[in-house]
Amino acid sequence: MFNFGKPKSTHPQLRYKIDKMHCVSCAANIDLTLEDLPGVIDANTNYATSTLVLSYDPEKLDPNQVINAIKELGYLATVSN
């Protein structure tokens, strides 16, 4: 079978529940901010589901840094399963 989507990351992933987003631009703002953090490989925030899936390098990024960066933007984040 062919896989035409994005390749699945081989890096560890974290999932977060995001609250206080008002629009798709909020999700884009979160992604752009997080992708500037050292150790973040890819950030994918979905406004419709209020979730963030983050691929990262655990040697360079503490998961709490993500929560703090999101909080500084005015949103709330909690780790989800």
Protein backbone atom coordinates (compact mmCIF):
# COMPACT_ATOMS: atom_id res chain seq x y z
CA MET A 1 0.00 0.00 0.00
CA PHE A 2 1.04 3.54 -0.64
CA ASN A 3 1.31 6.13 2.12
CA PHE A 4 0.69 9.56 0.64
CA GLY A 5 0.49 11.37 4.00
CA LYS A 6 3.28 12.74 6.13
CA PRO A 7 5.78 10.09 7.18
CA LYS A 8 5.24 8.98 10.78
CA SER A 9 7.86 10.52 13.04
CA THR A 10 10.38 8.18 14.60
CA HIS A 11 10.84 10.67 17.45
CA PRO A 12 8.90 10.38 20.71
CA GLN A 13 5.58 12.18 20.74
CA LEU A 14 3.63 14.01 23.41
CA ARG A 15 -0.07 14.82 23.30
CA TYR A 16 -1.61 17.83 24.98
CA LYS A 17 -5.15 19.10 25.48
CA ILE A 18 -5.26 22.84 24.69
CA ASP A 19 -7.87 25.17 26.17
CA LYS A 20 -8.75 28.82 25.46
CA MET A 21 -8.11 28.70 21.69
CA HIS A 22 -10.59 30.86 19.78
CA CYS A 23 -9.73 30.09 16.15
CA VAL A 24 -7.44 28.32 13.69
CA SER A 25 -4.96 31.19 13.97
CA CYS A 26 -4.55 30.36 17.66
CA ALA A 27 -3.46 26.84 16.69
CA ALA A 28 -1.02 28.20 14.10
CA ASN A 29 0.40 30.63 16.67
CA ILE A 30 1.04 27.74 19.08
CA ASP A 31 2.76 25.67 16.38
CA LEU A 32 5.03 28.51 15.26
CA THR A 33 6.04 29.31 18.83
CA LEU A 34 6.75 25.71 19.79
CA GLU A 35 8.74 24.98 16.65
CA ASP A 36 11.23 27.63 17.82
CA LEU A 37 11.94 25.72 21.05
CA PRO A 38 15.14 23.65 21.06
CA GLY A 39 14.27 19.98 20.81
CA VAL A 40 10.91 20.38 19.07
CA ILE A 41 10.87 18.41 15.83
CA ASP A 42 7.26 19.07 14.82
CA ALA A 43 4.21 20.67 16.43
CA ASN A 44 0.72 20.01 15.12
CA THR A 45 -2.10 21.81 16.94
CA ASN A 46 -5.67 21.06 15.85
CA TYR A 47 -8.22 23.75 16.72
CA ALA A 48 -11.24 21.51 16.03
CA THR A 49 -10.13 18.83 18.50
CA SER A 50 -8.25 21.17 20.90
CA THR A 51 -5.21 18.91 20.76
CA LEU A 52 -1.50 19.22 20.15
CA VAL A 53 0.73 16.39 18.97
CA LEU A 54 4.39 17.20 19.44
CA SER A 55 7.40 15.24 18.12
CA TYR A 56 10.48 16.06 20.14
CA ASP A 57 14.00 15.15 21.24
CA PRO A 58 13.78 14.23 24.95
CA GLU A 59 17.46 15.07 25.45
CA LYS A 60 16.81 18.71 24.48
CA LEU A 61 13.25 19.39 25.65
CA ASP A 62 11.45 19.00 28.96
CA PRO A 63 7.68 18.52 28.42
CA ASN A 64 7.02 21.25 31.00
CA GLN A 65 8.72 23.76 28.68
CA VAL A 66 5.89 23.16 26.22
CA ILE A 67 3.24 23.85 28.85
CA ASN A 68 5.03 27.04 29.93
CA ALA A 69 5.42 28.30 26.34
CA ILE A 70 1.71 27.71 25.67
CA LYS A 71 0.78 29.44 28.92
CA GLU A 72 2.85 32.50 27.93
CA LEU A 73 0.71 32.72 24.77
CA GLY A 74 -2.45 32.86 26.90
CA TYR A 75 -3.66 29.28 26.44
CA LEU A 76 -3.82 26.33 28.82
CA ALA A 77 -2.18 22.99 28.13
CA THR A 78 -2.34 19.67 29.93
CA VAL A 79 -0.71 16.39 28.98
CA SER A 80 -3.25 13.94 27.57
CA ASN A 81 -3.14 10.30 26.54
